[in-house]
Amino acid sequence: GGLAGASSTLAATADLTGRPGLARGLK
C-alpha cells in the first residue's frame, strides 16, 4: 500500500517534468 501511494505521487512528478518512461513504469 505504501509503495502504491508513493509511486503515484512520483509518477505525477515524472509526468510534469517530461519523463514518460519513468511515469509509465511507476503508474
Full PDB file with SEQRES, HELIX, SHEET, SSBOND, CRYST1, ORIGX, SCALE, CONECT and MASTER records, all heavy atoms in Angstrom:
SEQRES   1 A   27  GLY GLY LEU ALA GLY ALA SER SER THR LEU ALA ALA THR          
SEQRES   2 A   27  ALA ASP LEU THR GLY ARG PRO GLY LEU ALA ARG GLY LEU          
SEQRES   3 A   27  LYS                                                          
HELIX    1 AA1 GLY A    2  LEU A   16  1                                  15    
HELIX    2 AA2 PRO A   20  LEU A   26  1                                   7    
CRYST1    1.000    1.000    1.000  90.00  90.00  90.00 P 1           1          
ORIGX1      1.000000  0.000000  0.000000        0.00000                         
ORIGX2      0.000000  1.000000  0.000000        0.00000                         
ORIGX3      0.000000  0.000000  1.000000        0.00000                         
SCALE1      1.000000  0.000000  0.000000        0.00000                         
SCALE2      0.000000  1.000000  0.000000        0.00000                         
SCALE3      0.000000  0.000000  1.000000        0.00000                         
ATOM      1  N   GLY A   1       0.811  -1.206   0.000  1.00  0.00           N  
ATOM      2  CA  GLY A   1       0.000   0.000   0.000  1.00  0.00           C  
ATOM      3  C   GLY A   1       0.850   1.265   0.000  1.00  0.00           C  
ATOM      4  O   GLY A   1       0.575   2.222  -0.721  1.00  0.00           O  
ATOM      5  N   GLY A   2       1.916   1.259   0.821  1.00  0.00           N  
ATOM      6  CA  GLY A   2       2.817   2.404   0.828  1.00  0.00           C  
ATOM      7  C   GLY A   2       3.526   2.586  -0.499  1.00  0.00           C  
ATOM      8  O   GLY A   2       3.691   3.716  -0.985  1.00  0.00           O  
ATOM      9  N   LEU A   3       3.950   1.483  -1.108  1.00  0.00           N  
ATOM     10  CA  LEU A   3       4.611   1.548  -2.415  1.00  0.00           C  
ATOM     11  C   LEU A   3       3.680   2.125  -3.473  1.00  0.00           C  
ATOM     12  O   LEU A   3       4.088   2.963  -4.290  1.00  0.00           O  
ATOM     13  CB  LEU A   3       5.075   0.143  -2.810  1.00  0.00           C  
ATOM     14  CG  LEU A   3       5.660  -0.026  -4.212  1.00  0.00           C  
ATOM     15  CD1 LEU A   3       6.904   0.838  -4.380  1.00  0.00           C  
ATOM     16  CD2 LEU A   3       5.990  -1.487  -4.474  1.00  0.00           C  
ATOM     17  N   ALA A   4       2.409   1.703  -3.456  1.00  0.00           N  
ATOM     18  CA  ALA A   4       1.456   2.195  -4.441  1.00  0.00           C  
ATOM     19  C   ALA A   4       1.237   3.699  -4.302  1.00  0.00           C  
ATOM     20  O   ALA A   4       1.297   4.452  -5.283  1.00  0.00           O  
ATOM     21  CB  ALA A   4       0.133   1.444  -4.292  1.00  0.00           C  
ATOM     22  N   GLY A   5       0.953   4.159  -3.087  1.00  0.00           N  
ATOM     23  CA  GLY A   5       0.668   5.574  -2.891  1.00  0.00           C  
ATOM     24  C   GLY A   5       1.835   6.470  -3.279  1.00  0.00           C  
ATOM     25  O   GLY A   5       1.655   7.477  -3.981  1.00  0.00           O  
ATOM     26  N   ALA A   6       3.035   6.127  -2.831  1.00  0.00           N  
ATOM     27  CA  ALA A   6       4.200   6.954  -3.154  1.00  0.00           C  
ATOM     28  C   ALA A   6       4.536   6.884  -4.636  1.00  0.00           C  
ATOM     29  O   ALA A   6       4.988   7.873  -5.228  1.00  0.00           O  
ATOM     30  CB  ALA A   6       5.396   6.502  -2.317  1.00  0.00           C  
ATOM     31  N   SER A   7       4.316   5.731  -5.280  1.00  0.00           N  
ATOM     32  CA  SER A   7       4.594   5.605  -6.706  1.00  0.00           C  
ATOM     33  C   SER A   7       3.684   6.509  -7.531  1.00  0.00           C  
ATOM     34  O   SER A   7       4.111   7.098  -8.528  1.00  0.00           O  
ATOM     35  CB  SER A   7       4.423   4.144  -7.144  1.00  0.00           C  
ATOM     36  OG  SER A   7       5.400   3.317  -6.556  1.00  0.00           O  
ATOM     37  N   SER A   8       2.422   6.642  -7.125  1.00  0.00           N  
ATOM     38  CA  SER A   8       1.505   7.523  -7.851  1.00  0.00           C  
ATOM     39  C   SER A   8       1.946   8.978  -7.759  1.00  0.00           C  
ATOM     40  O   SER A   8       1.892   9.724  -8.752  1.00  0.00           O  
ATOM     41  CB  SER A   8       0.089   7.371  -7.293  1.00  0.00           C  
ATOM     42  OG  SER A   8      -0.445   6.098  -7.594  1.00  0.00           O  
ATOM     43  N   THR A   9       2.391   9.388  -6.586  1.00  0.00           N  
ATOM     44  CA  THR A   9       2.854  10.772  -6.431  1.00  0.00           C  
ATOM     45  C   THR A   9       4.122  11.013  -7.251  1.00  0.00           C  
ATOM     46  O   THR A   9       4.260  12.053  -7.917  1.00  0.00           O  
ATOM     47  CB  THR A   9       3.122  11.066  -4.948  1.00  0.00           C  
ATOM     48  OG1 THR A   9       1.914  10.842  -4.203  1.00  0.00           O  
ATOM     49  CG2 THR A   9       3.574  12.498  -4.752  1.00  0.00           C  
ATOM     50  N   LEU A  10       5.040  10.062  -7.227  1.00  0.00           N  
ATOM     51  CA  LEU A  10       6.269  10.204  -8.003  1.00  0.00           C  
ATOM     52  C   LEU A  10       5.981  10.143  -9.501  1.00  0.00           C  
ATOM     53  O   LEU A  10       6.646  10.822 -10.299  1.00  0.00           O  
ATOM     54  CB  LEU A  10       7.256   9.114  -7.604  1.00  0.00           C  
ATOM     55  CG  LEU A  10       8.688   9.233  -8.126  1.00  0.00           C  
ATOM     56  CD1 LEU A  10       9.309  10.569  -7.742  1.00  0.00           C  
ATOM     57  CD2 LEU A  10       9.539   8.078  -7.603  1.00  0.00           C  
ATOM     58  N   ALA A  11       4.980   9.358  -9.913  1.00  0.00           N  
ATOM     59  CA  ALA A  11       4.615   9.279 -11.325  1.00  0.00           C  
ATOM     60  C   ALA A  11       4.111  10.617 -11.842  1.00  0.00           C  
ATOM     61  O   ALA A  11       4.416  11.024 -12.976  1.00  0.00           O  
ATOM     62  CB  ALA A  11       3.548   8.200 -11.526  1.00  0.00           C  
ATOM     63  N   ALA A  12       3.321  11.326 -11.037  1.00  0.00           N  
ATOM     64  CA  ALA A  12       2.841  12.642 -11.450  1.00  0.00           C  
ATOM     65  C   ALA A  12       4.001  13.611 -11.605  1.00  0.00           C  
ATOM     66  O   ALA A  12       4.032  14.423 -12.545  1.00  0.00           O  
ATOM     67  CB  ALA A  12       1.844  13.169 -10.424  1.00  0.00           C  
ATOM     68  N   THR A  13       4.982  13.540 -10.713  1.00  0.00           N  
ATOM     69  CA  THR A  13       6.178  14.374 -10.842  1.00  0.00           C  
ATOM     70  C   THR A  13       6.912  14.073 -12.140  1.00  0.00           C  
ATOM     71  O   THR A  13       7.375  14.983 -12.845  1.00  0.00           O  
ATOM     72  CB  THR A  13       7.113  14.143  -9.641  1.00  0.00           C  
ATOM     73  OG1 THR A  13       6.406  14.431  -8.433  1.00  0.00           O  
ATOM     74  CG2 THR A  13       8.353  15.016  -9.734  1.00  0.00           C  
ATOM     75  N   ALA A  14       7.028  12.792 -12.469  1.00  0.00           N  
ATOM     76  CA  ALA A  14       7.693  12.412 -13.717  1.00  0.00           C  
ATOM     77  C   ALA A  14       6.921  12.923 -14.928  1.00  0.00           C  
ATOM     78  O   ALA A  14       7.512  13.378 -15.918  1.00  0.00           O  
ATOM     79  CB  ALA A  14       7.829  10.890 -13.770  1.00  0.00           C  
ATOM     80  N   ASP A  15       5.586  12.849 -14.886  1.00  0.00           N  
ATOM     81  CA  ASP A  15       4.776  13.366 -15.992  1.00  0.00           C  
ATOM     82  C   ASP A  15       4.996  14.863 -16.188  1.00  0.00           C  
ATOM     83  O   ASP A  15       5.161  15.351 -17.315  1.00  0.00           O  
ATOM     84  CB  ASP A  15       3.302  13.105 -15.702  1.00  0.00           C  
ATOM     85  CG  ASP A  15       2.727  11.974 -16.542  1.00  0.00           C  
ATOM     86  OD1 ASP A  15       3.426  11.501 -17.468  1.00  0.00           O  
ATOM     87  OD2 ASP A  15       1.591  11.554 -16.266  1.00  0.00           O  
ATOM     88  N   LEU A  16       4.978  15.598 -15.093  1.00  0.00           N  
ATOM     89  CA  LEU A  16       5.083  17.051 -15.171  1.00  0.00           C  
ATOM     90  C   LEU A  16       6.470  17.517 -15.600  1.00  0.00           C  
ATOM     91  O   LEU A  16       6.617  18.647 -16.087  1.00  0.00           O  
ATOM     92  CB  LEU A  16       4.724  17.666 -13.812  1.00  0.00           C  
ATOM     93  CG  LEU A  16       3.268  17.487 -13.365  1.00  0.00           C  
ATOM     94  CD1 LEU A  16       3.067  18.003 -11.950  1.00  0.00           C  
ATOM     95  CD2 LEU A  16       2.312  18.177 -14.335  1.00  0.00           C  
ATOM     96  N   THR A  17       7.480  16.684 -15.419  1.00  0.00           N  
ATOM     97  CA  THR A  17       8.846  17.060 -15.800  1.00  0.00           C  
ATOM     98  C   THR A  17       9.298  16.392 -17.093  1.00  0.00           C  
ATOM     99  O   THR A  17      10.479  16.418 -17.421  1.00  0.00           O  
ATOM    100  CB  THR A  17       9.830  16.691 -14.673  1.00  0.00           C  
ATOM    101  OG1 THR A  17       9.699  15.299 -14.362  1.00  0.00           O  
ATOM    102  CG2 THR A  17       9.557  17.518 -13.421  1.00  0.00           C  
ATOM    103  N   GLY A  18       8.368  15.791 -17.839  1.00  0.00           N  
ATOM    104  CA  GLY A  18       8.682  15.239 -19.142  1.00  0.00           C  
ATOM    105  C   GLY A  18       9.517  13.975 -19.117  1.00  0.00           C  
ATOM    106  O   GLY A  18      10.448  13.825 -19.912  1.00  0.00           O  
ATOM    107  N   ARG A  19       9.165  13.042 -18.248  1.00  0.00           N  
ATOM    108  CA  ARG A  19       9.856  11.744 -18.169  1.00  0.00           C  
ATOM    109  C   ARG A  19       8.820  10.632 -18.386  1.00  0.00           C  
ATOM    110  O   ARG A  19       8.384   9.964 -17.444  1.00  0.00           O  
ATOM    111  CB  ARG A  19      10.540  11.597 -16.817  1.00  0.00           C  
ATOM    112  CG  ARG A  19      11.696  12.578 -16.610  1.00  0.00           C  
ATOM    113  CD  ARG A  19      12.258  12.439 -15.202  1.00  0.00           C  
ATOM    114  NE  ARG A  19      13.517  13.133 -15.038  1.00  0.00           N  
ATOM    115  CZ  ARG A  19      13.635  14.423 -14.712  1.00  0.00           C  
ATOM    116  NH1 ARG A  19      12.532  15.154 -14.519  1.00  0.00           N  
ATOM    117  NH2 ARG A  19      14.820  14.979 -14.600  1.00  0.00           N  
ATOM    118  N   PRO A  20       8.407  10.387 -19.614  1.00  0.00           N  
ATOM    119  CA  PRO A  20       7.318   9.428 -19.878  1.00  0.00           C  
ATOM    120  C   PRO A  20       7.661   7.996 -19.489  1.00  0.00           C  
ATOM    121  O   PRO A  20       6.787   7.249 -19.033  1.00  0.00           O  
ATOM    122  CB  PRO A  20       7.093   9.558 -21.389  1.00  0.00           C  
ATOM    123  CG  PRO A  20       8.381  10.102 -21.926  1.00  0.00           C  
ATOM    124  CD  PRO A  20       8.918  10.998 -20.852  1.00  0.00           C  
ATOM    125  N   GLY A  21       8.895   7.563 -19.685  1.00  0.00           N  
ATOM    126  CA  GLY A  21       9.260   6.197 -19.323  1.00  0.00           C  
ATOM    127  C   GLY A  21       9.152   5.957 -17.825  1.00  0.00           C  
ATOM    128  O   GLY A  21       8.616   4.931 -17.378  1.00  0.00           O  
ATOM    129  N   LEU A  22       9.659   6.905 -17.045  1.00  0.00           N  
ATOM    130  CA  LEU A  22       9.578   6.797 -15.590  1.00  0.00           C  
ATOM    131  C   LEU A  22       8.128   6.838 -15.125  1.00  0.00           C  
ATOM    132  O   LEU A  22       7.706   6.046 -14.267  1.00  0.00           O  
ATOM    133  CB  LEU A  22      10.375   7.927 -14.943  1.00  0.00           C  
ATOM    134  CG  LEU A  22      10.339   8.014 -13.411  1.00  0.00           C  
ATOM    135  CD1 LEU A  22      10.913   6.758 -12.778  1.00  0.00           C  
ATOM    136  CD2 LEU A  22      11.108   9.254 -12.932  1.00  0.00           C  
ATOM    137  N   ALA A  23       7.329   7.749 -15.712  1.00  0.00           N  
ATOM    138  CA  ALA A  23       5.927   7.872 -15.315  1.00  0.00           C  
ATOM    139  C   ALA A  23       5.160   6.586 -15.624  1.00  0.00           C  
ATOM    140  O   ALA A  23       4.380   6.098 -14.794  1.00  0.00           O  
ATOM    141  CB  ALA A  23       5.288   9.056 -16.028  1.00  0.00           C  
ATOM    142  N   ARG A  24       5.373   6.034 -16.808  1.00  0.00           N  
ATOM    143  CA  ARG A  24       4.651   4.816 -17.188  1.00  0.00           C  
ATOM    144  C   ARG A  24       5.006   3.641 -16.267  1.00  0.00           C  
ATOM    145  O   ARG A  24       4.127   2.896 -15.819  1.00  0.00           O  
ATOM    146  CB  ARG A  24       4.977   4.457 -18.641  1.00  0.00           C  
ATOM    147  CG  ARG A  24       4.199   3.269 -19.169  1.00  0.00           C  
ATOM    148  CD  ARG A  24       4.327   3.136 -20.670  1.00  0.00           C  
ATOM    149  NE  ARG A  24       5.725   3.120 -21.097  1.00  0.00           N  
ATOM    150  CZ  ARG A  24       6.339   4.131 -21.739  1.00  0.00           C  
ATOM    151  NH1 ARG A  24       5.652   5.236 -22.018  1.00  0.00           N  
ATOM    152  NH2 ARG A  24       7.598   4.046 -22.098  1.00  0.00           N  
ATOM    153  N   GLY A  25       6.282   3.478 -15.972  1.00  0.00           N  
ATOM    154  CA  GLY A  25       6.689   2.388 -15.086  1.00  0.00           C  
ATOM    155  C   GLY A  25       6.130   2.524 -13.687  1.00  0.00           C  
ATOM    156  O   GLY A  25       5.702   1.538 -13.073  1.00  0.00           O  
ATOM    157  N   LEU A  26       6.098   3.756 -13.161  1.00  0.00           N  
ATOM    158  CA  LEU A  26       5.579   3.968 -11.810  1.00  0.00           C  
ATOM    159  C   LEU A  26       4.068   3.787 -11.750  1.00  0.00           C  
ATOM    160  O   LEU A  26       3.529   3.254 -10.769  1.00  0.00           O  
ATOM    161  CB  LEU A  26       5.961   5.368 -11.329  1.00  0.00           C  
ATOM    162  CG  LEU A  26       7.427   5.554 -10.937  1.00  0.00           C  
ATOM    163  CD1 LEU A  26       7.745   7.028 -10.741  1.00  0.00           C  
ATOM    164  CD2 LEU A  26       7.740   4.773  -9.667  1.00  0.00           C  
ATOM    165  N   LYS A  27       3.348   4.218 -12.790  1.00  0.00           N  
ATOM    166  CA  LYS A  27       1.891   4.036 -12.798  1.00  0.00           C  
ATOM    167  C   LYS A  27       1.531   2.556 -12.847  1.00  0.00           C  
ATOM    168  O   LYS A  27       0.627   2.097 -12.123  1.00  0.00           O  
ATOM    169  CB  LYS A  27       1.284   4.769 -13.994  1.00  0.00           C  
ATOM    170  CG  LYS A  27       1.359   6.280 -13.888  1.00  0.00           C  
ATOM    171  CD  LYS A  27       0.861   6.928 -15.167  1.00  0.00           C  
ATOM    172  CE  LYS A  27       1.083   8.434 -15.160  1.00  0.00           C  
ATOM    173  NZ  LYS A  27       0.640   9.068 -16.420  1.00  0.00           N  
TER     174      LYS A  27                                                      
MASTER        0    0    0    2    0    0    0    6  173    1    0    3          
END                                                                             
